[in-house]
Protein backbone atom coordinates (compact mmCIF):
# COMPACT_ATOMS: atom_id res chain seq x y z
CA MET A 1 86.31 -131.34 16.46
CA ALA A 2 88.09 -131.09 13.16
CA ILE A 3 88.22 -133.84 10.63
CA HIS A 4 91.89 -134.32 8.33
CA TYR A 5 92.25 -135.56 5.15
CA HIS A 6 95.55 -137.47 4.28
CA CYS A 7 96.89 -139.50 1.30
CA ARG A 8 97.32 -143.11 1.81
CA HIS A 9 100.13 -143.24 -0.60
CA CYS A 10 102.28 -140.21 0.00
CA GLY A 11 100.92 -139.03 3.44
CA ILE A 12 100.31 -135.58 2.19
CA ASN A 13 98.00 -133.36 4.03
CA ILE A 14 95.03 -132.92 1.64
CA GLY A 15 92.76 -131.04 3.70
CA SER A 16 91.16 -130.25 6.91
CA LEU A 17 87.59 -129.15 8.06
CA ASP A 18 87.98 -127.48 11.45
CA ARG A 19 85.36 -127.19 13.84
CA LEU A 20 82.50 -128.67 12.27
CA SER A 21 79.26 -130.86 13.55
CA VAL A 22 78.80 -132.84 10.72
CA HIS A 23 77.08 -136.29 10.19
CA SER A 24 78.87 -139.14 8.63
CA GLU A 25 76.29 -139.23 5.90
CA SER A 26 77.28 -135.95 4.62
CA LEU A 27 80.96 -137.00 4.24
CA GLY A 28 79.99 -140.57 2.75
CA LEU A 29 81.24 -142.34 5.47
CA HIS A 30 77.85 -144.36 5.66
CA LYS A 31 78.80 -145.79 2.40
CA LEU A 32 81.95 -147.54 3.70
CA THR A 33 81.80 -151.19 4.62
CA GLU A 34 83.02 -151.86 7.89
CA GLU A 35 86.29 -153.16 6.56
CA GLU A 36 86.86 -149.94 4.71
CA ARG A 37 85.93 -147.74 7.94
CA GLN A 38 88.66 -149.50 9.69
CA GLU A 39 91.06 -149.06 7.41
CA MET A 40 90.16 -145.48 6.14
CA VAL A 41 88.63 -143.40 9.56
CA SER A 42 90.55 -143.09 12.75
CA TYR A 43 89.78 -141.04 15.62
CA ALA A 44 91.92 -138.80 17.74
CA GLY A 45 91.51 -138.52 21.39
CA ASN A 46 90.74 -134.89 20.88
CA GLY A 47 87.58 -136.05 19.00
CA ASP A 48 89.24 -135.22 15.58
CA ILE A 49 88.84 -137.71 12.74
CA ASN A 50 91.11 -138.50 10.28
CA ILE A 51 90.72 -139.73 7.18
CA LYS A 52 92.93 -141.53 4.67
CA THR A 53 91.78 -140.91 0.99
CA ILE A 54 94.10 -140.28 -2.15
CA CYS A 55 95.34 -137.14 -3.71
CA GLU A 56 95.45 -136.29 -7.16
CA ASP A 57 99.16 -136.67 -7.90
CA CYS A 58 99.08 -140.37 -6.60
CA GLN A 59 95.73 -140.96 -8.49
CA GLU A 60 97.43 -140.16 -11.48
CA ALA A 61 100.57 -142.18 -11.02
CA LEU A 62 98.11 -145.13 -10.14
CA GLU A 63 96.14 -144.51 -13.61
CA ARG A 64 99.58 -144.24 -15.53
CA ASN A 65 101.19 -146.95 -13.88
CA PRO A 66 98.66 -149.71 -12.44
CA ASP A 67 101.30 -151.98 -10.83
CA PHE A 68 102.17 -149.19 -8.48
CA HIS A 69 98.76 -150.47 -6.87
CA GLN A 70 101.27 -153.36 -5.21
CA HIS A 71 102.88 -150.81 -3.13
CA ASP A 72 101.45 -149.11 -0.21
CA TYR A 73 103.44 -146.00 -0.24
CA LEU A 74 104.34 -143.57 -3.09
CA ILE A 75 106.65 -140.84 -3.20
CA HIS A 76 106.29 -137.81 -5.59
């Protein structure tokens, strides 16, 4: 099982954790609401977990340009 982090705004691969046995509490997933979990976390058939998060570049862009929040996808 691997855990893959991708930016929800630009799609870039932020990083992966390979072959780990971890609990959702150590990842902070237990703090998500059910709606947030459905939106941000998906499970692949091979047992991998895909998590949508935000990369530093998109975070900076959103802080500088708050109107970007209306867009689902950013290109940088």
